[in-house]
């Protein structure tokens, strides 16, 4: 959640008032006006998480190399029951 507290500062900058204001009044100096941005704790956590995901590689080379080596050597075996269990688990999640 982003909160910007600039309305009153803008109002002061242009010397706007609820009563009849003087049109000849000089605006407040722009040097006094500063924007302020407050980011909540969860917002900061989200930014840190996005940075971590962006820095992580898309492919885990160590896992790929291990599986490739096992496949090429003929030692890579997957249980048919394990495959069936995964298919059913994914199907149940959809339904």
Protein backbone atom coordinates (compact mmCIF):
# COMPACT_ATOMS: atom_id res chain seq x y z
CA UNK A 1 0.00 0.00 0.00
CA UNK A 2 1.46 3.33 -1.04
CA UNK A 3 0.45 6.48 0.80
CA UNK A 4 1.12 9.90 -0.58
CA UNK A 5 0.63 12.86 1.75
CA UNK A 6 0.93 15.69 -0.72
CA UNK A 7 -2.55 17.22 -0.89
CA UNK A 8 -2.03 19.72 1.90
CA UNK A 9 1.40 20.62 0.55
CA UNK A 10 -0.04 21.22 -2.91
CA UNK A 11 -2.81 23.25 -1.35
CA UNK A 12 -0.18 25.38 0.45
CA UNK A 13 1.88 25.68 -2.71
CA UNK A 14 -0.99 27.30 -4.58
CA UNK A 15 -2.37 29.14 -1.53
CA UNK A 16 -5.78 27.59 -1.96
CA UNK A 17 -8.22 28.14 0.88
CA UNK A 18 -11.87 27.30 1.49
CA UNK A 19 -12.72 30.95 1.99
CA UNK A 20 -12.31 33.59 -0.65
CA UNK A 21 -8.60 33.74 -1.26
CA UNK A 22 -6.58 36.56 -2.64
CA UNK A 23 -5.59 36.08 -6.26
CA UNK A 24 -2.64 38.41 -5.76
CA UNK A 25 -1.04 36.22 -3.07
CA UNK A 26 2.29 34.76 -4.06
CA UNK A 27 2.56 30.96 -4.04
CA UNK A 28 4.66 29.30 -1.38
CA UNK A 29 8.26 28.67 -2.40
CA UNK A 30 8.75 25.37 -4.21
CA UNK A 31 11.84 24.63 -2.11
CA UNK A 32 9.59 23.82 0.87
CA UNK A 33 7.68 21.17 -1.07
CA UNK A 34 8.96 17.61 -0.85
CA UNK A 35 7.29 14.39 -1.94
CA UNK A 36 7.15 11.58 0.57
CA UNK A 37 6.70 7.88 -0.10
CA UNK A 38 6.03 5.30 2.62
CA UNK A 39 6.18 1.62 1.69
CA UNK A 40 4.61 -0.83 4.12
CA UNK A 41 6.46 -3.81 5.61
CA UNK A 42 4.65 -6.35 3.41
CA UNK A 43 5.41 -4.16 0.38
CA UNK A 44 9.11 -4.20 1.24
CA UNK A 45 8.97 -7.99 1.73
CA UNK A 46 7.34 -8.33 -1.69
CA UNK A 47 10.12 -6.29 -3.30
CA UNK A 48 12.79 -8.46 -1.63
CA UNK A 49 11.00 -11.60 -2.81
CA UNK A 50 10.78 -10.32 -6.38
CA UNK A 51 14.49 -9.51 -6.36
CA UNK A 52 15.33 -13.00 -5.06
CA UNK A 53 13.22 -14.67 -7.76
CA UNK A 54 14.76 -12.49 -10.46
CA UNK A 55 18.27 -13.39 -9.26
CA UNK A 56 17.57 -17.15 -9.15
CA UNK A 57 18.48 -19.13 -12.27
CA UNK A 58 15.63 -20.52 -14.37
CA UNK A 59 17.34 -23.90 -14.74
CA UNK A 60 18.96 -25.73 -11.83
CA UNK A 61 22.05 -26.98 -13.62
CA UNK A 62 23.07 -29.30 -10.77
CA UNK A 63 19.73 -31.16 -10.87
CA UNK A 64 19.76 -31.36 -14.67
CA UNK A 65 23.32 -32.73 -14.71
CA UNK A 66 22.50 -35.38 -12.09
CA UNK A 67 19.37 -36.55 -13.94
CA UNK A 68 21.13 -36.50 -17.30
CA UNK A 69 24.00 -38.57 -15.92
CA UNK A 70 21.62 -41.13 -14.39
CA UNK A 71 19.63 -41.36 -17.64
CA UNK A 72 22.72 -41.79 -19.81
CA UNK A 73 24.17 -44.46 -17.51
CA UNK A 74 20.86 -46.34 -17.45
CA UNK A 75 20.36 -45.98 -13.69
CA UNK A 76 17.45 -43.54 -13.91
CA UNK A 77 14.33 -45.45 -12.91
CA UNK A 78 10.95 -44.03 -12.06
CA UNK A 79 8.32 -46.11 -10.34
CA UNK A 80 5.10 -46.42 -12.33
CA UNK A 81 3.23 -46.09 -9.02
CA UNK A 82 5.00 -42.79 -8.31
CA UNK A 83 4.04 -41.46 -11.75
CA UNK A 84 0.42 -42.57 -11.28
CA UNK A 85 0.29 -40.95 -7.83
CA UNK A 86 1.54 -37.62 -9.24
CA UNK A 87 -0.97 -37.72 -12.10
CA UNK A 88 -3.83 -38.39 -9.68
CA UNK A 89 -2.65 -35.69 -7.27
CA UNK A 90 -2.54 -33.12 -10.10
CA UNK A 91 -5.92 -34.24 -11.39
CA UNK A 92 -7.49 -33.94 -7.92
CA UNK A 93 -6.07 -30.43 -7.58
CA UNK A 94 -7.81 -29.41 -10.82
CA UNK A 95 -11.17 -30.91 -9.90
